[in-house]
Amino acid sequence: MNEQIINKLEEQILSDIEALGDLKQYGSDERKQAVADLDKLYRLYLEDYKTGCETSDSSDRILEECKQHKIDNEFREMQLAREKKDKIIRYVIDGCAIVLPIGTSVFMLLEGFKFEETGTVTSNFFKWLINRQKLNK
């Protein structure tokens, strides 16, 4: 659309320049009016041309911003996926750090009960087990 306007303005400017050449009297009112009209047309042409250039520059800039935004979104998605995996691994490790000592303690406790249930000799197993427990790190 902008190119059509610029092309029409160019045609009009060229025809006005040709018509200006036909006017012989340099100081006449007709020639002054023709020069003023030509000046207005040329200013409109320059404004439309600048607008077209700015539009193309801004559209290029917008395309680059869209590409950069797309790259940023892909990077964020990859980063979120990595963080999610790291979080799951950390939860599993923390769960193992809690469950394994408790499981070991329960297993040792049950084995100690079996040992002391059959014998008449008492042992210091439970004292040893309680002393070996690290309740506070």
C-alpha atoms as a PDB file:
ATOM      1  CA  MET A   1       0.000   0.000   0.000  1.00  0.00           C
ATOM      2  CA  ASN A   2       2.762   2.415   0.939  1.00  0.00           C
ATOM      3  CA  GLU A   3       4.652   1.574  -2.270  1.00  0.00           C
ATOM      4  CA  GLN A   4       1.588   2.451  -4.367  1.00  0.00           C
ATOM      5  CA  ILE A   5       1.360   5.855  -2.724  1.00  0.00           C
ATOM      6  CA  ILE A   6       5.061   6.482  -3.233  1.00  0.00           C
ATOM      7  CA  ASN A   7       4.805   5.444  -6.904  1.00  0.00           C
ATOM      8  CA  LYS A   8       1.821   7.761  -7.502  1.00  0.00           C
ATOM      9  CA  LEU A   9       3.637  10.621  -5.802  1.00  0.00           C
ATOM     10  CA  GLU A  10       6.702  10.005  -7.984  1.00  0.00           C
ATOM     11  CA  GLU A  11       4.549  10.080 -11.133  1.00  0.00           C
ATOM     12  CA  GLN A  12       2.843  13.282 -10.005  1.00  0.00           C
ATOM     13  CA  ILE A  13       6.146  14.933  -9.145  1.00  0.00           C
ATOM     14  CA  LEU A  14       7.591  14.030 -12.559  1.00  0.00           C
ATOM     15  CA  SER A  15       4.524  15.370 -14.360  1.00  0.00           C
ATOM     16  CA  ASP A  16       4.638  18.587 -12.294  1.00  0.00           C
ATOM     17  CA  ILE A  17       8.325  19.053 -13.123  1.00  0.00           C
ATOM     18  CA  GLU A  18       7.510  18.676 -16.824  1.00  0.00           C
ATOM     19  CA  ALA A  19       4.622  21.138 -16.476  1.00  0.00           C
ATOM     20  CA  LEU A  20       6.926  23.527 -14.614  1.00  0.00           C
ATOM     21  CA  GLY A  21       9.320  23.448 -17.563  1.00  0.00           C
ATOM     22  CA  ASP A  22       6.493  24.557 -19.843  1.00  0.00           C
ATOM     23  CA  LEU A  23       5.869  27.709 -17.793  1.00  0.00           C
ATOM     24  CA  LYS A  24       8.167  30.334 -19.289  1.00  0.00           C
ATOM     25  CA  GLN A  25       7.723  33.261 -16.953  1.00  0.00           C
ATOM     26  CA  TYR A  26       9.887  32.925 -13.874  1.00  0.00           C
ATOM     27  CA  GLY A  27       8.210  35.528 -11.703  1.00  0.00           C
ATOM     28  CA  SER A  28       4.594  34.718 -12.488  1.00  0.00           C
ATOM     29  CA  ASP A  29       2.050  33.675  -9.890  1.00  0.00           C
ATOM     30  CA  GLU A  30       1.329  30.487 -11.808  1.00  0.00           C
ATOM     31  CA  ARG A  31       4.951  29.395 -11.604  1.00  0.00           C
ATOM     32  CA  LYS A  32       5.158  30.267  -7.877  1.00  0.00           C
ATOM     33  CA  GLN A  33       1.997  28.215  -7.229  1.00  0.00           C
ATOM     34  CA  ALA A  34       3.373  25.288  -9.293  1.00  0.00           C
ATOM     35  CA  VAL A  35       6.671  25.391  -7.341  1.00  0.00           C
ATOM     36  CA  ALA A  36       4.763  25.495  -4.022  1.00  0.00           C
ATOM     37  CA  ASP A  37       2.621  22.527  -5.110  1.00  0.00           C
ATOM     38  CA  LEU A  38       5.715  20.649  -6.212  1.00  0.00           C
ATOM     39  CA  ASP A  39       7.352  21.407  -2.862  1.00  0.00           C
ATOM     40  CA  LYS A  40       4.310  20.029  -0.995  1.00  0.00           C
ATOM     41  CA  LEU A  41       4.262  16.884  -3.123  1.00  0.00           C
ATOM     42  CA  TYR A  42       7.980  16.342  -2.607  1.00  0.00           C
ATOM     43  CA  ARG A  43       7.612  16.752   1.153  1.00  0.00           C
ATOM     44  CA  LEU A  44       4.767  14.204   1.154  1.00  0.00           C
ATOM     45  CA  TYR A  45       6.943  11.882  -0.906  1.00  0.00           C
ATOM     46  CA  LEU A  46       9.801  12.189   1.593  1.00  0.00           C
ATOM     47  CA  GLU A  47       7.490  11.587   4.565  1.00  0.00           C
ATOM     48  CA  ASP A  48       5.995   8.477   2.959  1.00  0.00           C
ATOM     49  CA  TYR A  49       9.425   7.247   1.989  1.00  0.00           C
ATOM     50  CA  LYS A  50      10.717   7.732   5.541  1.00  0.00           C
ATOM     51  CA  THR A  51       7.616   6.018   6.932  1.00  0.00           C
ATOM     52  CA  GLY A  52       8.194   3.081   4.597  1.00  0.00           C
ATOM     53  CA  CYS A  53      11.824   2.824   5.685  1.00  0.00           C
ATOM     54  CA  GLU A  54      10.888   3.087   9.370  1.00  0.00           C
ATOM     55  CA  THR A  55       8.173   0.488   8.888  1.00  0.00           C
ATOM     56  CA  SER A  56      10.554  -1.943   7.258  1.00  0.00           C
ATOM     57  CA  ASP A  57      13.149  -1.262   9.969  1.00  0.00           C
ATOM     58  CA  SER A  58      10.575  -1.709  12.710  1.00  0.00           C
ATOM     59  CA  SER A  59       9.234  -4.896  11.103  1.00  0.00           C
ATOM     60  CA  ASP A  60      12.788  -6.267  10.928  1.00  0.00           C
ATOM     61  CA  ARG A  61      13.294  -5.286  14.550  1.00  0.00           C
ATOM     62  CA  ILE A  62       9.995  -6.925  15.519  1.00  0.00           C
ATOM     63  CA  LEU A  63      10.992 -10.125  13.694  1.00  0.00           C
ATOM     64  CA  GLU A  64      14.327 -10.178  15.503  1.00  0.00           C
ATOM     65  CA  GLU A  65      12.587  -9.590  18.833  1.00  0.00           C
ATOM     66  CA  CYS A  66      10.185 -12.453  18.090  1.00  0.00           C
ATOM     67  CA  LYS A  67      13.091 -14.760  17.253  1.00  0.00           C
ATOM     68  CA  GLN A  68      14.899 -13.728  20.432  1.00  0.00           C
ATOM     69  CA  HIS A  69      11.708 -14.219  22.467  1.00  0.00           C
ATOM     70  CA  LYS A  70      11.288 -17.687  20.969  1.00  0.00           C
ATOM     71  CA  ILE A  71      14.899 -18.587  21.798  1.00  0.00           C
ATOM     72  CA  ASP A  72      14.431 -17.271  25.341  1.00  0.00           C
ATOM     73  CA  ASN A  73      11.276 -19.343  25.796  1.00  0.00           C
ATOM     74  CA  GLU A  74      13.020 -22.489  24.566  1.00  0.00           C
ATOM     75  CA  PHE A  75      15.910 -21.831  26.950  1.00  0.00           C
ATOM     76  CA  ARG A  76      13.490 -21.300  29.860  1.00  0.00           C
ATOM     77  CA  GLU A  77      11.676 -24.533  29.028  1.00  0.00           C
ATOM     78  CA  MET A  78      14.965 -26.460  28.977  1.00  0.00           C
ATOM     79  CA  GLN A  79      16.014 -24.822  32.229  1.00  0.00           C
ATOM     80  CA  LEU A  80      12.686 -25.658  33.883  1.00  0.00           C
ATOM     81  CA  ALA A  81      12.971 -29.273  32.727  1.00  0.00           C
ATOM     82  CA  ARG A  82      16.488 -29.476  34.196  1.00  0.00           C
ATOM     83  CA  GLU A  83      15.337 -27.905  37.456  1.00  0.00           C
ATOM     84  CA  LYS A  84      12.462 -30.367  37.641  1.00  0.00           C
ATOM     85  CA  LYS A  85      14.822 -33.325  37.182  1.00  0.00           C
ATOM     86  CA  ASP A  86      17.225 -31.894  39.765  1.00  0.00           C
ATOM     87  CA  LYS A  87      14.369 -31.382  42.214  1.00  0.00           C
ATOM     88  CA  ILE A  88      13.153 -34.968  41.782  1.00  0.00           C
ATOM     89  CA  ILE A  89      16.668 -36.343  42.261  1.00  0.00           C
ATOM     90  CA  ARG A  90      17.159 -34.195  45.358  1.00  0.00           C
ATOM     91  CA  TYR A  91      13.846 -35.406  46.845  1.00  0.00           C
ATOM     92  CA  VAL A  92      14.811 -39.021  46.202  1.00  0.00           C
ATOM     93  CA  ILE A  93      18.220 -38.540  47.829  1.00  0.00           C
ATOM     94  CA  ASP A  94      16.689 -36.730  50.812  1.00  0.00           C
ATOM     95  CA  GLY A  95      14.088 -39.484  51.165  1.00  0.00           C
ATOM     96  CA  CYS A  96      16.805 -42.144  51.109  1.00  0.00           C
ATOM     97  CA  ALA A  97      18.793 -40.180  53.676  1.00  0.00           C
ATOM     98  CA  ILE A  98      15.779 -40.334  55.996  1.00  0.00           C
ATOM     99  CA  VAL A  99      14.416 -43.817  55.235  1.00  0.00           C
ATOM    100  CA  LEU A 100      17.670 -45.825  55.178  1.00  0.00           C
ATOM    101  CA  PRO A 101      18.846 -44.946  58.724  1.00  0.00           C
ATOM    102  CA  ILE A 102      15.360 -45.500  60.106  1.00  0.00           C
ATOM    103  CA  GLY A 103      15.043 -48.801  58.241  1.00  0.00           C
ATOM    104  CA  THR A 104      18.447 -49.933  59.467  1.00  0.00           C
ATOM    105  CA  SER A 105      17.564 -49.002  63.042  1.00  0.00           C
ATOM    106  CA  VAL A 106      14.257 -50.879  62.895  1.00  0.00           C
ATOM    107  CA  PHE A 107      15.970 -53.925  61.388  1.00  0.00           C
ATOM    108  CA  MET A 108      18.645 -53.892  64.096  1.00  0.00           C
ATOM    109  CA  LEU A 109      15.985 -53.435  66.784  1.00  0.00           C
ATOM    110  CA  LEU A 110      13.981 -56.418  65.542  1.00  0.00           C
ATOM    111  CA  GLU A 111      17.103 -58.570  65.334  1.00  0.00           C
ATOM    112  CA  GLY A 112      18.018 -57.505  68.886  1.00  0.00           C
ATOM    113  CA  PHE A 113      14.578 -58.530  70.141  1.00  0.00           C
ATOM    114  CA  LYS A 114      15.011 -61.958  68.556  1.00  0.00           C
ATOM    115  CA  PHE A 115      18.444 -62.344  70.148  1.00  0.00           C
ATOM    116  CA  GLU A 116      17.312 -61.370  73.646  1.00  0.00           C
ATOM    117  CA  GLU A 117      14.037 -63.275  73.513  1.00  0.00           C
ATOM    118  CA  THR A 118      15.668 -66.726  73.496  1.00  0.00           C
ATOM    119  CA  GLY A 119      18.611 -66.200  75.787  1.00  0.00           C
ATOM    120  CA  THR A 120      18.693 -65.877  79.524  1.00  0.00           C
ATOM    121  CA  VAL A 121      21.820 -63.824  79.361  1.00  0.00           C
ATOM    122  CA  THR A 122      21.148 -60.166  78.902  1.00  0.00           C
ATOM    123  CA  SER A 123      23.217 -58.158  76.508  1.00  0.00           C
ATOM    124  CA  ASN A 124      24.154 -54.571  76.097  1.00  0.00           C
ATOM    125  CA  PHE A 125      22.846 -54.547  72.551  1.00  0.00           C
ATOM    126  CA  PHE A 126      20.185 -51.912  73.123  1.00  0.00           C
ATOM    127  CA  LYS A 127      22.629 -49.617  74.899  1.00  0.00           C
ATOM    128  CA  TRP A 128      24.999 -49.997  71.982  1.00  0.00           C
ATOM    129  CA  LEU A 129      22.200 -49.353  69.463  1.00  0.00           C
ATOM    130  CA  ILE A 130      21.007 -46.226  71.239  1.00  0.00           C
ATOM    131  CA  ASN A 131      24.542 -44.890  71.539  1.00  0.00           C
ATOM    132  CA  ARG A 132      25.173 -45.478  67.808  1.00  0.00           C
ATOM    133  CA  GLN A 133      22.017 -43.658  66.711  1.00  0.00           C
ATOM    134  CA  LYS A 134      22.694 -40.156  65.461  1.00  0.00           C
ATOM    135  CA  LEU A 135      19.444 -38.461  66.150  1.00  0.00           C
ATOM    136  CA  ASN A 136      20.873 -34.972  65.745  1.00  0.00           C
ATOM    137  CA  LYS A 137      23.301 -34.224  62.980  1.00  0.00           C
END
